C-alpha atoms as a PDB file:
ATOM      1  CA  MET A   1      12.150   2.419  11.322  1.00  0.00           C
ATOM      2  CA  LYS A   2      14.768   2.177   8.064  1.00  0.00           C
ATOM      3  CA  PRO A   3      13.746   3.513   5.167  1.00  0.00           C
ATOM      4  CA  VAL A   4      13.730   1.008   2.410  1.00  0.00           C
ATOM      5  CA  VAL A   5      16.078   0.561  -0.516  1.00  0.00           C
ATOM      6  CA  TYR A   6      16.177  -0.590  -4.250  1.00  0.00           C
ATOM      7  CA  SER A   7      19.604  -0.468  -6.008  1.00  0.00           C
ATOM      8  CA  THR A   8      19.694  -2.072  -9.553  1.00  0.00           C
ATOM      9  CA  LYS A   9      23.142  -3.228  -9.180  1.00  0.00           C
ATOM     10  CA  LYS A  10      22.477  -5.054  -6.176  1.00  0.00           C
ATOM     11  CA  SER A  11      19.056  -6.322  -7.923  1.00  0.00           C
ATOM     12  CA  HIS A  12      20.903  -8.040 -10.767  1.00  0.00           C
ATOM     13  CA  SER A  13      24.508  -9.253  -8.770  1.00  0.00           C
ATOM     14  CA  GLN A  14      22.717 -10.733  -5.645  1.00  0.00           C
ATOM     15  CA  ASN A  15      18.904 -11.191  -6.558  1.00  0.00           C
ATOM     16  CA  LEU A  16      18.014  -8.169  -3.663  1.00  0.00           C
ATOM     17  CA  GLY A  17      14.847  -6.204  -4.394  1.00  0.00           C
ATOM     18  CA  TRP A  18      13.328  -3.680  -2.048  1.00  0.00           C
ATOM     19  CA  HIS A  19      14.738  -3.925   1.533  1.00  0.00           C
ATOM     20  CA  ARG A  20      15.214  -2.051   4.606  1.00  0.00           C
ATOM     21  CA  ALA A  21      18.639  -0.239   4.819  1.00  0.00           C
ATOM     22  CA  GLY A  22      20.415   2.762   6.298  1.00  0.00           C
ATOM     23  CA  ASN A  23      22.316   3.934   9.833  1.00  0.00           C
ATOM     24  CA  ASP A  24      21.228   6.806  12.287  1.00  0.00           C
ATOM     25  CA  VAL A  25      18.189   7.295  11.269  1.00  0.00           C
ATOM     26  CA  THR A  26      16.299   9.707  13.749  1.00  0.00           C
ATOM     27  CA  TYR A  27      13.035  11.637  12.787  1.00  0.00           C
ATOM     28  CA  PHE A  28      12.852  15.546  14.191  1.00  0.00           C
ATOM     29  CA  PRO A  29      10.318  17.794  14.072  1.00  0.00           C
ATOM     30  CA  ASN A  30      11.336  20.232  11.648  1.00  0.00           C
ATOM     31  CA  GLY A  31       9.596  23.307  12.430  1.00  0.00           C
ATOM     32  CA  ILE A  32       6.680  22.971   9.709  1.00  0.00           C
ATOM     33  CA  PHE A  33       2.921  22.885  10.557  1.00  0.00           C
ATOM     34  CA  LYS A  34       0.174  21.892   8.080  1.00  0.00           C
ATOM     35  CA  SER A  35      -3.285  22.405  10.018  1.00  0.00           C
ATOM     36  CA  SER A  36      -1.294  23.230  12.894  1.00  0.00           C
ATOM     37  CA  LYS A  37       0.353  19.452  13.406  1.00  0.00           C
ATOM     38  CA  PRO A  38       3.912  19.509  13.143  1.00  0.00           C
ATOM     39  CA  MET A  39       5.769  17.946  10.055  1.00  0.00           C
ATOM     40  CA  PHE A  40       8.527  15.166  10.699  1.00  0.00           C
ATOM     41  CA  THR A  41      12.021  15.065   8.812  1.00  0.00           C
ATOM     42  CA  LEU A  42      13.488  11.841   8.324  1.00  0.00           C
ATOM     43  CA  ARG A  43      17.431  11.465   8.218  1.00  0.00           C
ATOM     44  CA  PHE A  44      19.982   8.636   7.508  1.00  0.00           C
ATOM     45  CA  SER A  45      23.118   7.824   6.086  1.00  0.00           C
ATOM     46  CA  TYR A  46      23.374   5.434   3.448  1.00  0.00           C
ATOM     47  CA  THR A  47      26.692   3.390   2.214  1.00  0.00           C
ATOM     48  CA  PHE A  48      26.567   3.154  -1.694  1.00  0.00           C
ATOM     49  CA  ASP A  49      28.196  -0.365  -2.788  1.00  0.00           C
ATOM     50  CA  PHE A  50      28.535   0.213  -6.496  1.00  0.00           C
ATOM     51  CA  THR A  51      29.618   3.123  -8.418  1.00  0.00           C
ATOM     52  CA  HIS A  52      27.499   4.273 -11.327  1.00  0.00           C
ATOM     53  CA  ASP A  53      24.545   2.585  -9.948  1.00  0.00           C
ATOM     54  CA  THR A  54      21.029   3.947  -9.628  1.00  0.00           C
ATOM     55  CA  VAL A  55      19.319   3.859  -6.196  1.00  0.00           C
ATOM     56  CA  TYR A  56      15.815   4.696  -5.376  1.00  0.00           C
ATOM     57  CA  PHE A  57      14.845   5.464  -1.208  1.00  0.00           C
ATOM     58  CA  ALA A  58      11.232   5.310   0.089  1.00  0.00           C
ATOM     59  CA  TYR A  59       9.651   5.224   3.205  1.00  0.00           C
ATOM     60  CA  SER A  60       8.101   2.272   2.848  1.00  0.00           C
ATOM     61  CA  TYR A  61       7.865  -0.575   0.457  1.00  0.00           C
ATOM     62  CA  PRO A  62       5.963   0.830  -2.536  1.00  0.00           C
ATOM     63  CA  TYR A  63       2.884  -1.130  -3.972  1.00  0.00           C
ATOM     64  CA  THR A  64       2.028  -0.974  -7.697  1.00  0.00           C
ATOM     65  CA  TYR A  65      -1.270  -0.064  -9.240  1.00  0.00           C
ATOM     66  CA  THR A  66      -0.524  -3.993 -10.712  1.00  0.00           C
ATOM     67  CA  GLN A  67      -0.315  -5.415  -7.393  1.00  0.00           C
ATOM     68  CA  LEU A  68      -3.746  -3.780  -6.219  1.00  0.00           C
ATOM     69  CA  ALA A  69      -5.417  -5.109  -9.557  1.00  0.00           C
ATOM     70  CA  GLU A  70      -4.094  -8.873  -8.871  1.00  0.00           C
ATOM     71  CA  PHE A  71      -5.310  -8.690  -5.144  1.00  0.00           C
ATOM     72  CA  LEU A  72      -8.512  -7.266  -6.442  1.00  0.00           C
ATOM     73  CA  ASN A  73      -8.686 -10.210  -9.159  1.00  0.00           C
ATOM     74  CA  THR A  74      -7.933 -12.794  -6.535  1.00  0.00           C
ATOM     75  CA  ILE A  75     -11.015 -11.747  -4.403  1.00  0.00           C
ATOM     76  CA  GLU A  76     -13.308 -11.353  -7.259  1.00  0.00           C
ATOM     77  CA  LEU A  77     -12.492 -14.727  -8.466  1.00  0.00           C
ATOM     78  CA  ASN A  78     -12.965 -16.408  -5.227  1.00  0.00           C
ATOM     79  CA  HIS A  79     -15.925 -13.935  -3.913  1.00  0.00           C
ATOM     80  CA  THR A  80     -14.162 -14.331  -0.379  1.00  0.00           C
ATOM     81  CA  ILE A  81     -12.345 -12.010   1.580  1.00  0.00           C
ATOM     82  CA  SER A  82     -12.112 -13.732   4.834  1.00  0.00           C
ATOM     83  CA  ALA A  83      -8.335 -14.661   4.752  1.00  0.00           C
ATOM     84  CA  TYR A  84      -6.870 -11.284   4.517  1.00  0.00           C
ATOM     85  CA  PHE A  85      -9.711 -10.213   7.460  1.00  0.00           C
ATOM     86  CA  TRP A  86      -9.269 -10.619  11.043  1.00  0.00           C
ATOM     87  CA  TYR A  87     -13.306 -11.266  11.194  1.00  0.00           C
ATOM     88  CA  GLU A  88     -15.428 -13.365   9.500  1.00  0.00           C
ATOM     89  CA  CYS A  89     -16.918 -12.269   6.277  1.00  0.00           C
ATOM     90  CA  SER A  90     -17.331 -14.550   3.499  1.00  0.00           C
ATOM     91  CA  TYR A  91     -18.111 -12.403   0.437  1.00  0.00           C
ATOM     92  CA  ALA A  92     -16.405  -9.540  -1.465  1.00  0.00           C
ATOM     93  CA  SER A  93     -17.372  -8.057  -4.441  1.00  0.00           C
ATOM     94  CA  ARG A  94     -16.044  -5.065  -6.660  1.00  0.00           C
ATOM     95  CA  ARG A  95     -17.213  -2.448  -8.659  1.00  0.00           C
ATOM     96  CA  LEU A  96     -15.906   0.491 -10.871  1.00  0.00           C
ATOM     97  CA  LEU A  97     -16.624   3.868  -8.782  1.00  0.00           C
ATOM     98  CA  CYS A  98     -14.777   6.041 -11.319  1.00  0.00           C
ATOM     99  CA  ARG A  99     -11.251   6.234 -13.089  1.00  0.00           C
ATOM    100  CA  THR A 100      -8.726   8.470 -12.744  1.00  0.00           C
ATOM    101  CA  LEU A 101      -7.072  10.979 -14.767  1.00  0.00           C
ATOM    102  CA  LEU A 102      -4.601   8.418 -16.348  1.00  0.00           C
ATOM    103  CA  GLY A 103      -8.037   5.971 -16.912  1.00  0.00           C
ATOM    104  CA  ASN A 104      -7.143   3.684 -14.377  1.00  0.00           C
ATOM    105  CA  ARG A 105     -10.050   1.808 -12.403  1.00  0.00           C
ATOM    106  CA  CYS A 106     -10.636   3.239  -8.962  1.00  0.00           C
ATOM    107  CA  GLU A 107     -12.442   0.119  -7.360  1.00  0.00           C
ATOM    108  CA  CYS A 108     -15.068  -0.026  -4.630  1.00  0.00           C
ATOM    109  CA  LEU A 109     -14.990  -3.253  -2.661  1.00  0.00           C
ATOM    110  CA  ILE A 110     -18.089  -4.428  -0.996  1.00  0.00           C
ATOM    111  CA  VAL A 111     -17.417  -6.836   1.865  1.00  0.00           C
ATOM    112  CA  THR A 112     -20.123  -8.484   3.450  1.00  0.00           C
ATOM    113  CA  THR A 113     -22.116 -12.017   4.384  1.00  0.00           C
ATOM    114  CA  PRO A 114     -23.842 -13.722   1.725  1.00  0.00           C
ATOM    115  CA  GLU A 115     -27.242 -13.103   3.721  1.00  0.00           C
ATOM    116  CA  ARG A 116     -26.616  -9.543   3.754  1.00  0.00           C
ATOM    117  CA  ARG A 117     -25.843  -9.217  -0.037  1.00  0.00           C
ATOM    118  CA  GLU A 118     -29.206 -11.052  -0.827  1.00  0.00           C
ATOM    119  CA  GLY A 119     -32.572  -8.934  -0.290  1.00  0.00           C
ATOM    120  CA  LYS A 120     -31.290  -6.147   0.877  1.00  0.00           C
ATOM    121  CA  ARG A 121     -30.683  -2.685  -0.400  1.00  0.00           C
ATOM    122  CA  GLY A 122     -27.477  -0.432   0.743  1.00  0.00           C
ATOM    123  CA  VAL A 123     -25.899  -3.032   2.922  1.00  0.00           C
ATOM    124  CA  VAL A 124     -21.757  -2.094   2.473  1.00  0.00           C
ATOM    125  CA  VAL A 125     -19.040  -2.895   5.346  1.00  0.00           C
ATOM    126  CA  SER A 126     -16.410  -1.049   4.641  1.00  0.00           C
ATOM    127  CA  ALA A 127     -13.668  -2.896   6.139  1.00  0.00           C
ATOM    128  CA  CYS A 128     -10.198  -2.062   4.461  1.00  0.00           C
ATOM    129  CA  LEU A 129      -9.321   1.337   2.875  1.00  0.00           C
ATOM    130  CA  LEU A 130      -8.015   0.799  -0.953  1.00  0.00           C
ATOM    131  CA  TYR A 131      -5.915   3.730  -1.660  1.00  0.00           C
ATOM    132  CA  THR A 132      -2.722   4.140  -4.021  1.00  0.00           C
ATOM    133  CA  SER A 133      -1.377   7.381  -4.960  1.00  0.00           C
ATOM    134  CA  PRO A 134       1.140   8.376  -7.460  1.00  0.00           C
ATOM    135  CA  SER A 135       1.783  11.328  -5.562  1.00  0.00           C
ATOM    136  CA  PRO A 136       5.476  11.263  -3.537  1.00  0.00           C
ATOM    137  CA  ARG A 137       3.735  13.467  -0.596  1.00  0.00           C
ATOM    138  CA  ASP A 138       1.134  10.548   0.058  1.00  0.00           C
ATOM    139  CA  LEU A 139       3.289   7.575   0.537  1.00  0.00           C
ATOM    140  CA  SER A 140       3.019   7.614   4.140  1.00  0.00           C
ATOM    141  CA  THR A 141      -0.865   7.590   3.552  1.00  0.00           C
ATOM    142  CA  SER A 142      -1.194   4.863   1.134  1.00  0.00           C
ATOM    143  CA  ARG A 143      -2.388   1.467   1.827  1.00  0.00           C
ATOM    144  CA  MET A 144      -1.515  -1.943   1.047  1.00  0.00           C
ATOM    145  CA  PRO A 145      -4.255  -3.857   1.252  1.00  0.00           C
ATOM    146  CA  SER A 146      -3.504  -7.368   0.549  1.00  0.00           C
ATOM    147  CA  SER A 147      -1.076  -7.379   3.532  1.00  0.00           C
ATOM    148  CA  ALA A 148      -2.279  -4.592   5.726  1.00  0.00           C
ATOM    149  CA  CYS A 149      -5.561  -6.641   6.499  1.00  0.00           C
ATOM    150  CA  LYS A 150      -3.957  -9.893   6.639  1.00  0.00           C
ATOM    151  CA  LYS A 151      -5.220 -11.886   9.417  1.00  0.00           C
ATOM    152  CA  LYS A 152      -2.733 -11.651  12.766  1.00  0.00           C
END
């Protein structure tokens, strides 16, 4: 899989945001082990199109905290998440689980059906991992809920 790239000059001149780019992409074990599992290195070549440009590289498309908040706001307004899941569920709600060290909300999304939410205690269907991380080392485990849960 090619890395994603964002060039500030390409964004201004061609209105092109994050996109897959690079050549000679290879993954190989690098001899480092974590919890007895081998770690891998991504190697690729990239030709810069502009001089004095700022170019960002990422393993996957970035998903911002703002995008997560907008996704959760949409769910909260509609009280439904059926459009995002491959099975039928007709009710979703959110609540504050805790706050991050920066003061951002860490949300808990509860997905169920209307029949189960009334009169039943402790019914929570955990259907999608909602996780974002500002740590570069965690990018491969971050999830994009609005696209990862999309119906196929």
